[in-house]
């Protein structure tokens, strides 16, 4: 006696025939595999190679629960999610990994096989330049752009490569540009010159130039040079390398009373 069976893969559905014995063995293996997923903390239990066999940079991930949607090339992780690639680590309540169609099931995946990451709920991201927290994070592998959103999204610098603390309704990080960032909505930036507030801010680690814009942008100084000084204007450009400040359409520069 022979039984018709359908094999499901990332490339579609293929019909094949197998004996009753082979069918029972395959069924037993499948049951053991499915049971092993929650026991392993939700991690899938076989390495995910790319179709051409290249390894690339490996990503490891784990969660309390996990599922694999082969049709849509989607891995969903729920509960105590942890995703690690090199020095980058993402933790969240849940996450989705959108992959190419060139993968099979496993606890690791090649970066080349990933299109996009989406993390939701109590998101924490550890980067080389600092630590980000937000409610939602989306990473696009092709453009190497990381988008953070929340109430508010926050980035705390690890060293003087970036301003100390950056908060706003949304933060876009260009990883390919050394973590150049753009922050929008209720912006607050705490750095060596003081506290800056604006509606938007752009900072490049390469040039160390911070551009603030809003109605108005403002810096309240906290250093020896501009202690207690308040600067407001339509646009404020700060060169962190030279400590130069340029103000466009200046509205006010208020010095402390003891310096008048």
C-alpha atoms as a PDB file:
ATOM      1  CA  UNK A   1       0.000   0.000   0.000  1.00  0.00           C
ATOM      2  CA  UNK A   2       1.262   3.497  -0.861  1.00  0.00           C
ATOM      3  CA  UNK A   3      -0.002   6.868   0.355  1.00  0.00           C
ATOM      4  CA  UNK A   4       0.163  10.199  -1.512  1.00  0.00           C
ATOM      5  CA  UNK A   5       1.763  12.989   0.448  1.00  0.00           C
ATOM      6  CA  UNK A   6       2.500  16.686  -0.100  1.00  0.00           C
ATOM      7  CA  UNK A   7       5.880  18.131   0.875  1.00  0.00           C
ATOM      8  CA  UNK A   8       5.767  21.806   1.932  1.00  0.00           C
ATOM      9  CA  UNK A   9       8.849  23.968   1.426  1.00  0.00           C
ATOM     10  CA  UNK A  10       9.658  27.633   1.060  1.00  0.00           C
ATOM     11  CA  UNK A  11       9.482  27.110  -2.707  1.00  0.00           C
ATOM     12  CA  UNK A  12       5.955  25.710  -2.860  1.00  0.00           C
ATOM     13  CA  UNK A  13       4.115  22.369  -2.521  1.00  0.00           C
ATOM     14  CA  UNK A  14       5.446  19.194  -4.155  1.00  0.00           C
ATOM     15  CA  UNK A  15       3.526  15.929  -4.420  1.00  0.00           C
ATOM     16  CA  UNK A  16       5.373  12.682  -3.669  1.00  0.00           C
ATOM     17  CA  UNK A  17       4.592   9.038  -2.755  1.00  0.00           C
ATOM     18  CA  UNK A  18       5.888   7.068   0.190  1.00  0.00           C
ATOM     19  CA  UNK A  19       5.238   3.759   1.975  1.00  0.00           C
ATOM     20  CA  UNK A  20       3.077   3.433   5.104  1.00  0.00           C
ATOM     21  CA  UNK A  21       6.203   2.750   7.176  1.00  0.00           C
ATOM     22  CA  UNK A  22       7.983   5.787   5.795  1.00  0.00           C
ATOM     23  CA  UNK A  23       4.899   7.889   6.368  1.00  0.00           C
ATOM     24  CA  UNK A  24       4.674   6.813  10.040  1.00  0.00           C
ATOM     25  CA  UNK A  25       8.374   7.505  10.602  1.00  0.00           C
ATOM     26  CA  UNK A  26       8.024  10.962   9.028  1.00  0.00           C
ATOM     27  CA  UNK A  27       4.955  11.681  11.170  1.00  0.00           C
ATOM     28  CA  UNK A  28       6.796  10.677  14.364  1.00  0.00           C
ATOM     29  CA  UNK A  29       9.743  12.901  13.472  1.00  0.00           C
ATOM     30  CA  UNK A  30       7.382  15.818  12.790  1.00  0.00           C
ATOM     31  CA  UNK A  31       5.670  15.371  16.177  1.00  0.00           C
ATOM     32  CA  UNK A  32       9.019  15.299  17.999  1.00  0.00           C
ATOM     33  CA  UNK A  33      10.096  18.428  16.123  1.00  0.00           C
ATOM     34  CA  UNK A  34       6.934  20.350  16.975  1.00  0.00           C
ATOM     35  CA  UNK A  35       7.137  19.359  20.658  1.00  0.00           C
ATOM     36  CA  UNK A  36      10.766  20.470  20.821  1.00  0.00           C
ATOM     37  CA  UNK A  37       9.967  24.080  19.874  1.00  0.00           C
ATOM     38  CA  UNK A  38       8.378  25.244  23.179  1.00  0.00           C
ATOM     39  CA  UNK A  39      10.847  23.143  25.184  1.00  0.00           C
ATOM     40  CA  UNK A  40      13.658  25.091  23.539  1.00  0.00           C
ATOM     41  CA  UNK A  41      12.130  28.382  24.634  1.00  0.00           C
ATOM     42  CA  UNK A  42      10.477  28.879  21.258  1.00  0.00           C
ATOM     43  CA  UNK A  43      13.698  28.770  19.269  1.00  0.00           C
ATOM     44  CA  UNK A  44      13.564  26.865  15.992  1.00  0.00           C
ATOM     45  CA  UNK A  45      15.996  23.978  16.027  1.00  0.00           C
ATOM     46  CA  UNK A  46      17.841  23.780  12.728  1.00  0.00           C
ATOM     47  CA  UNK A  47      20.269  26.219  11.155  1.00  0.00           C
ATOM     48  CA  UNK A  48      18.818  28.443   8.451  1.00  0.00           C
ATOM     49  CA  UNK A  49      21.213  28.583   5.493  1.00  0.00           C
ATOM     50  CA  UNK A  50      20.813  30.732   2.409  1.00  0.00           C
ATOM     51  CA  UNK A  51      19.917  28.958  -0.809  1.00  0.00           C
ATOM     52  CA  UNK A  52      23.398  29.311  -2.268  1.00  0.00           C
ATOM     53  CA  UNK A  53      24.961  27.914   0.926  1.00  0.00           C
ATOM     54  CA  UNK A  54      26.822  31.059   1.975  1.00  0.00           C
ATOM     55  CA  UNK A  55      26.822  31.694   5.708  1.00  0.00           C
ATOM     56  CA  UNK A  56      27.244  35.490   5.929  1.00  0.00           C
ATOM     57  CA  UNK A  57      26.833  37.085   9.355  1.00  0.00           C
ATOM     58  CA  UNK A  58      24.777  34.837  11.595  1.00  0.00           C
ATOM     59  CA  UNK A  59      21.763  36.055  13.572  1.00  0.00           C
ATOM     60  CA  UNK A  60      20.607  34.040  16.584  1.00  0.00           C
ATOM     61  CA  UNK A  61      17.157  34.394  18.081  1.00  0.00           C
ATOM     62  CA  UNK A  62      15.000  32.918  20.837  1.00  0.00           C
ATOM     63  CA  UNK A  63      11.574  33.484  22.384  1.00  0.00           C
ATOM     64  CA  UNK A  64       8.959  31.804  24.540  1.00  0.00           C
ATOM     65  CA  UNK A  65       6.904  30.999  21.435  1.00  0.00           C
ATOM     66  CA  UNK A  66       7.646  30.953  17.728  1.00  0.00           C
ATOM     67  CA  UNK A  67       5.974  30.162  14.414  1.00  0.00           C
ATOM     68  CA  UNK A  68       7.079  29.912  10.799  1.00  0.00           C
ATOM     69  CA  UNK A  69       4.898  31.038   7.879  1.00  0.00           C
ATOM     70  CA  UNK A  70       6.551  29.451   4.832  1.00  0.00           C
ATOM     71  CA  UNK A  71       4.118  30.986   2.354  1.00  0.00           C
ATOM     72  CA  UNK A  72       4.993  34.519   3.442  1.00  0.00           C
ATOM     73  CA  UNK A  73       8.600  33.752   4.492  1.00  0.00           C
ATOM     74  CA  UNK A  74       7.839  35.102   7.961  1.00  0.00           C
ATOM     75  CA  UNK A  75       9.175  34.079  11.378  1.00  0.00           C
ATOM     76  CA  UNK A  76       7.089  35.313  14.340  1.00  0.00           C
ATOM     77  CA  UNK A  77       8.556  35.359  17.858  1.00  0.00           C
ATOM     78  CA  UNK A  78       6.478  36.006  20.996  1.00  0.00           C
ATOM     79  CA  UNK A  79       7.463  36.460  24.636  1.00  0.00           C
ATOM     80  CA  UNK A  80      10.946  37.305  25.930  1.00  0.00           C
ATOM     81  CA  UNK A  81      12.276  37.836  22.426  1.00  0.00           C
ATOM     82  CA  UNK A  82      16.025  38.143  21.967  1.00  0.00           C
ATOM     83  CA  UNK A  83      17.728  38.665  18.614  1.00  0.00           C
ATOM     84  CA  UNK A  84      21.522  38.969  18.414  1.00  0.00           C
ATOM     85  CA  UNK A  85      23.792  39.762  15.473  1.00  0.00           C
ATOM     86  CA  UNK A  86      27.398  40.683  16.222  1.00  0.00           C
ATOM     87  CA  UNK A  87      27.399  43.519  18.782  1.00  0.00           C
ATOM     88  CA  UNK A  88      23.757  44.372  18.075  1.00  0.00           C
ATOM     89  CA  UNK A  89      21.116  42.940  20.398  1.00  0.00           C
ATOM     90  CA  UNK A  90      17.331  43.404  20.266  1.00  0.00           C
ATOM     91  CA  UNK A  91      14.927  42.461  23.065  1.00  0.00           C
ATOM     92  CA  UNK A  92      11.151  42.920  22.910  1.00  0.00           C
ATOM     93  CA  UNK A  93       7.772  41.427  23.769  1.00  0.00           C
ATOM     94  CA  UNK A  94       7.344  40.121  20.229  1.00  0.00           C
ATOM     95  CA  UNK A  95       9.022  40.367  16.853  1.00  0.00           C
ATOM     96  CA  UNK A  96       8.678  39.438  13.207  1.00  0.00           C
ATOM     97  CA  UNK A  97      11.539  38.492  10.912  1.00  0.00           C
ATOM     98  CA  UNK A  98      10.703  38.892   7.229  1.00  0.00           C
ATOM     99  CA  UNK A  99      13.019  36.622   5.244  1.00  0.00           C
ATOM    100  CA  UNK A 100      13.769  35.837   1.637  1.00  0.00           C
ATOM    101  CA  UNK A 101      12.410  32.591   0.182  1.00  0.00           C
ATOM    102  CA  UNK A 102      15.853  30.983   0.411  1.00  0.00           C
ATOM    103  CA  UNK A 103      15.654  29.732   3.990  1.00  0.00           C
ATOM    104  CA  UNK A 104      14.619  26.690   6.016  1.00  0.00           C
ATOM    105  CA  UNK A 105      13.796  26.332   9.725  1.00  0.00           C
ATOM    106  CA  UNK A 106      16.446  26.911  12.442  1.00  0.00           C
ATOM    107  CA  UNK A 107      17.609  28.920  15.537  1.00  0.00           C
ATOM    108  CA  UNK A 108      20.041  30.982  13.465  1.00  0.00           C
ATOM    109  CA  UNK A 109      19.661  32.768  10.181  1.00  0.00           C
ATOM    110  CA  UNK A 110      22.045  34.448   7.774  1.00  0.00           C
ATOM    111  CA  UNK A 111      21.746  38.224   7.588  1.00  0.00           C
ATOM    112  CA  UNK A 112      21.695  37.899   3.795  1.00  0.00           C
ATOM    113  CA  UNK A 113      18.426  35.964   4.112  1.00  0.00           C
ATOM    114  CA  UNK A 114      16.619  38.762   6.011  1.00  0.00           C
ATOM    115  CA  UNK A 115      14.592  41.578   4.450  1.00  0.00           C
ATOM    116  CA  UNK A 116      13.234  43.301   7.546  1.00  0.00           C
ATOM    117  CA  UNK A 117      12.903  43.066  11.343  1.00  0.00           C
ATOM    118  CA  UNK A 118       9.891  44.427  13.261  1.00  0.00           C
ATOM    119  CA  UNK A 119       9.993  44.457  17.090  1.00  0.00           C
ATOM    120  CA  UNK A 120       7.070  45.557  19.277  1.00  0.00           C
ATOM    121  CA  UNK A 121       6.551  46.188  22.990  1.00  0.00           C
ATOM    122  CA  UNK A 122       9.223  47.232  25.492  1.00  0.00           C
ATOM    123  CA  UNK A 123      11.873  47.276  22.792  1.00  0.00           C
ATOM    124  CA  UNK A 124      15.522  47.603  23.777  1.00  0.00           C
ATOM    125  CA  UNK A 125      18.286  47.759  21.187  1.00  0.00           C
ATOM    126  CA  UNK A 126      21.966  47.658  22.038  1.00  0.00           C
ATOM    127  CA  UNK A 127      24.159  49.176  19.312  1.00  0.00           C
ATOM    128  CA  UNK A 128      27.871  49.896  19.100  1.00  0.00           C
ATOM    129  CA  UNK A 129      27.153  53.588  19.698  1.00  0.00           C
ATOM    130  CA  UNK A 130      24.590  53.275  22.488  1.00  0.00           C
ATOM    131  CA  UNK A 131      21.287  51.901  23.736  1.00  0.00           C
ATOM    132  CA  UNK A 132      17.856  52.628  22.246  1.00  0.00           C
ATOM    133  CA  UNK A 133      14.452  52.070  23.835  1.00  0.00           C
ATOM    134  CA  UNK A 134      11.030  52.469  22.218  1.00  0.00           C
ATOM    135  CA  UNK A 135       7.664  50.779  21.697  1.00  0.00           C
ATOM    136  CA  UNK A 136       8.293  49.787  18.067  1.00  0.00           C
ATOM    137  CA  UNK A 137      11.434  49.312  15.996  1.00  0.00           C
ATOM    138  CA  UNK A 138      11.704  48.491  12.297  1.00  0.00           C
ATOM    139  CA  UNK A 139      15.001  47.638  10.587  1.00  0.00           C
ATOM    140  CA  UNK A 140      15.322  47.517   6.794  1.00  0.00           C
ATOM    141  CA  UNK A 141      18.332  45.428   5.826  1.00  0.00           C
ATOM    142  CA  UNK A 142      18.714  46.719   2.261  1.00  0.00           C
ATOM    143  CA  UNK A 143      18.946  50.386   3.269  1.00  0.00           C
ATOM    144  CA  UNK A 144      20.364  49.686   6.767  1.00  0.00           C
ATOM    145  CA  UNK A 145      17.849  52.105   8.256  1.00  0.00           C
ATOM    146  CA  UNK A 146      16.483  51.615  11.776  1.00  0.00           C
ATOM    147  CA  UNK A 147      13.246  53.399  12.678  1.00  0.00           C
ATOM    148  CA  UNK A 148      12.251  53.820  16.329  1.00  0.00           C
ATOM    149  CA  UNK A 149       8.887  55.096  17.546  1.00  0.00           C
ATOM    150  CA  UNK A 150       7.176  55.407  20.904  1.00  0.00           C
ATOM    151  CA  UNK A 151       6.189  57.834  23.618  1.00  0.00           C
ATOM    152  CA  UNK A 152       8.962  58.744  23.421  1.00  0.00           C
ATOM    153  CA  UNK A 153      11.672  56.858  21.583  1.00  0.00           C
ATOM    154  CA  UNK A 154      15.017  57.272  23.339  1.00  0.00           C
ATOM    155  CA  UNK A 155      18.692  56.800  22.536  1.00  0.00           C
ATOM    156  CA  UNK A 156      21.441  56.981  25.183  1.00  0.00           C
ATOM    157  CA  UNK A 157      24.976  57.321  23.822  1.00  0.00           C
ATOM    158  CA  UNK A 158      27.753  54.957  24.836  1.00  0.00           C
ATOM    159  CA  UNK A 159      30.513  57.541  24.251  1.00  0.00           C
ATOM    160  CA  UNK A 160      31.007  61.026  22.783  1.00  0.00           C
ATOM    161  CA  UNK A 161      30.437  59.737  19.242  1.00  0.00           C
ATOM    162  CA  UNK A 162      26.794  60.732  19.743  1.00  0.00           C
ATOM    163  CA  UNK A 163      25.117  63.399  21.901  1.00  0.00           C
ATOM    164  CA  UNK A 164      24.368  62.047  25.384  1.00  0.00           C
ATOM    165  CA  UNK A 165      20.597  61.433  25.365  1.00  0.00           C
ATOM    166  CA  UNK A 166      18.173  61.834  22.463  1.00  0.00           C
ATOM    167  CA  UNK A 167      14.389  61.575  22.802  1.00  0.00           C
ATOM    168  CA  UNK A 168      11.484  62.213  20.438  1.00  0.00           C
ATOM    169  CA  UNK A 169       8.326  60.692  19.010  1.00  0.00           C
ATOM    170  CA  UNK A 170      10.387  59.031  16.291  1.00  0.00           C
ATOM    171  CA  UNK A 171      14.091  58.453  15.666  1.00  0.00           C
ATOM    172  CA  UNK A 172      15.529  57.289  12.336  1.00  0.00           C
ATOM    173  CA  UNK A 173      19.061  55.873  12.462  1.00  0.00           C
ATOM    174  CA  UNK A 174      21.147  55.441   9.294  1.00  0.00           C
ATOM    175  CA  UNK A 175      23.432  52.584  10.294  1.00  0.00           C
ATOM    176  CA  UNK A 176      25.401  52.755   7.038  1.00  0.00           C
ATOM    177  CA  UNK A 177      26.315  56.379   7.875  1.00  0.00           C
ATOM    178  CA  UNK A 178      27.787  55.553  11.279  1.00  0.00           C
ATOM    179  CA  UNK A 179      24.421  55.871  13.057  1.00  0.00           C
ATOM    180  CA  UNK A 180      23.526  59.283  11.681  1.00  0.00           C
ATOM    181  CA  UNK A 181      20.134  60.076  13.152  1.00  0.00           C
ATOM    182  CA  UNK A 182      17.052  62.194  12.537  1.00  0.00           C
ATOM    183  CA  UNK A 183      14.656  62.750  15.424  1.00  0.00           C
ATOM    184  CA  UNK A 184      11.198  64.306  15.125  1.00  0.00           C
ATOM    185  CA  UNK A 185       8.417  65.444  17.436  1.00  0.00           C
ATOM    186  CA  UNK A 186       8.994  66.766  20.940  1.00  0.00           C
ATOM    187  CA  UNK A 187      12.751  66.570  20.495  1.00  0.00           C
ATOM    188  CA  UNK A 188      14.992  66.803  23.551  1.00  0.00           C
ATOM    189  CA  UNK A 189      18.751  66.337  23.290  1.00  0.00           C
ATOM    190  CA  UNK A 190      21.021  66.432  26.341  1.00  0.00           C
ATOM    191  CA  UNK A 191      24.664  66.934  25.421  1.00  0.00           C
ATOM    192  CA  UNK A 192      27.854  68.607  26.606  1.00  0.00           C
ATOM    193  CA  UNK A 193      26.654  72.150  25.826  1.00  0.00           C
ATOM    194  CA  UNK A 194      23.327  71.835  27.588  1.00  0.00           C
ATOM    195  CA  UNK A 195      19.777  70.795  26.744  1.00  0.00           C
ATOM    196  CA  UNK A 196      18.374  71.336  23.252  1.00  0.00           C
ATOM    197  CA  UNK A 197      14.670  71.245  22.392  1.00  0.00           C
ATOM    198  CA  UNK A 198      13.060  71.499  18.959  1.00  0.00           C
ATOM    199  CA  UNK A 199      10.576  69.874  16.602  1.00  0.00           C
ATOM    200  CA  UNK A 200      13.292  68.099  14.625  1.00  0.00           C
ATOM    201  CA  UNK A 201      16.981  67.392  14.880  1.00  0.00           C
ATOM    202  CA  UNK A 202      19.623  65.843  12.616  1.00  0.00           C
ATOM    203  CA  UNK A 203      23.054  64.711  13.776  1.00  0.00           C
ATOM    204  CA  UNK A 204      25.983  63.223  11.850  1.00  0.00           C
ATOM    205  CA  UNK A 205      28.715  61.432  13.849  1.00  0.00           C
ATOM    206  CA  UNK A 206      31.034  61.891  10.862  1.00  0.00           C
ATOM    207  CA  UNK A 207      30.901  65.706  10.936  1.00  0.00           C
ATOM    208  CA  UNK A 208      29.765  66.047  14.577  1.00  0.00           C
ATOM    209  CA  UNK A 209      27.241  68.649  13.423  1.00  0.00           C
ATOM    210  CA  UNK A 210      23.812  68.898  15.065  1.00  0.00           C
ATOM    211  CA  UNK A 211      21.046  70.829  13.287  1.00  0.00           C
ATOM    212  CA  UNK A 212      17.940  71.789  15.274  1.00  0.00           C
ATOM    213  CA  UNK A 213      14.815  73.291  13.765  1.00  0.00           C
ATOM    214  CA  UNK A 214      11.397  74.184  15.121  1.00  0.00           C
ATOM    215  CA  UNK A 215       9.259  77.056  16.293  1.00  0.00           C
ATOM    216  CA  UNK A 216      11.545  77.812  17.953  1.00  0.00           C
ATOM    217  CA  UNK A 217      14.574  75.612  18.447  1.00  0.00           C
ATOM    218  CA  UNK A 218      16.216  76.239  21.812  1.00  0.00           C
ATOM    219  CA  UNK A 219      19.417  75.469  23.704  1.00  0.00           C
ATOM    220  CA  UNK A 220      19.708  76.095  27.428  1.00  0.00           C
ATOM    221  CA  UNK A 221      23.424  76.095  28.223  1.00  0.00           C
ATOM    222  CA  UNK A 222      25.032  74.178  31.055  1.00  0.00           C
ATOM    223  CA  UNK A 223      28.762  74.520  30.362  1.00  0.00           C
ATOM    224  CA  UNK A 224      31.246  77.091  31.673  1.00  0.00           C
ATOM    225  CA  UNK A 225      31.157  78.956  28.349  1.00  0.00           C
ATOM    226  CA  UNK A 226      27.387  79.310  28.043  1.00  0.00           C
ATOM    227  CA  UNK A 227      26.189  78.454  31.542  1.00  0.00           C
ATOM    228  CA  UNK A 228      22.517  79.431  32.042  1.00  0.00           C
ATOM    229  CA  UNK A 229      22.469  81.070  28.605  1.00  0.00           C
ATOM    230  CA  UNK A 230      19.323  80.474  26.531  1.00  0.00           C
ATOM    231  CA  UNK A 231      19.539  80.545  22.719  1.00  0.00           C
ATOM    232  CA  UNK A 232      16.439  80.405  20.517  1.00  0.00           C
ATOM    233  CA  UNK A 233      15.958  80.634  16.771  1.00  0.00           C
ATOM    234  CA  UNK A 234      14.292  79.094  13.751  1.00  0.00           C
ATOM    235  CA  UNK A 235      17.334  76.905  13.065  1.00  0.00           C
ATOM    236  CA  UNK A 236      20.359  76.284  15.304  1.00  0.00           C
ATOM    237  CA  UNK A 237      23.470  74.513  14.019  1.00  0.00           C
ATOM    238  CA  UNK A 238      25.984  73.205  16.545  1.00  0.00           C
ATOM    239  CA  UNK A 239      29.457  71.977  15.627  1.00  0.00           C
ATOM    240  CA  UNK A 240      30.448  69.699  18.500  1.00  0.00           C
ATOM    241  CA  UNK A 241      34.027  69.547  17.191  1.00  0.00           C
ATOM    242  CA  UNK A 242      34.634  73.317  17.316  1.00  0.00           C
ATOM    243  CA  UNK A 243      31.874  74.323  19.809  1.00  0.00           C
ATOM    244  CA  UNK A 244      30.612  76.851  17.248  1.00  0.00           C
ATOM    245  CA  UNK A 245      26.893  77.706  17.234  1.00  0.00           C
ATOM    246  CA  UNK A 246      25.146  79.314  14.251  1.00  0.00           C
ATOM    247  CA  UNK A 247      21.623  80.700  14.631  1.00  0.00           C
ATOM    248  CA  UNK A 248      19.289  81.352  11.716  1.00  0.00           C
ATOM    249  CA  UNK A 249      16.453  83.843  12.301  1.00  0.00           C
ATOM    250  CA  UNK A 250      17.536  84.329  15.869  1.00  0.00           C
ATOM    251  CA  UNK A 251      14.726  85.135  18.262  1.00  0.00           C
ATOM    252  CA  UNK A 252      16.697  85.617  21.481  1.00  0.00           C
ATOM    253  CA  UNK A 253      19.986  85.062  23.273  1.00  0.00           C
ATOM    254  CA  UNK A 254      19.422  85.486  27.003  1.00  0.00           C
ATOM    255  CA  UNK A 255      22.495  85.700  29.231  1.00  0.00           C
ATOM    256  CA  UNK A 256      22.436  85.087  32.987  1.00  0.00           C
ATOM    257  CA  UNK A 257      22.055  88.202  35.118  1.00  0.00           C
ATOM    258  CA  UNK A 258      25.467  87.888  36.757  1.00  0.00           C
ATOM    259  CA  UNK A 259      27.167  88.209  33.371  1.00  0.00           C
ATOM    260  CA  UNK A 260      25.441  91.449  32.335  1.00  0.00           C
END
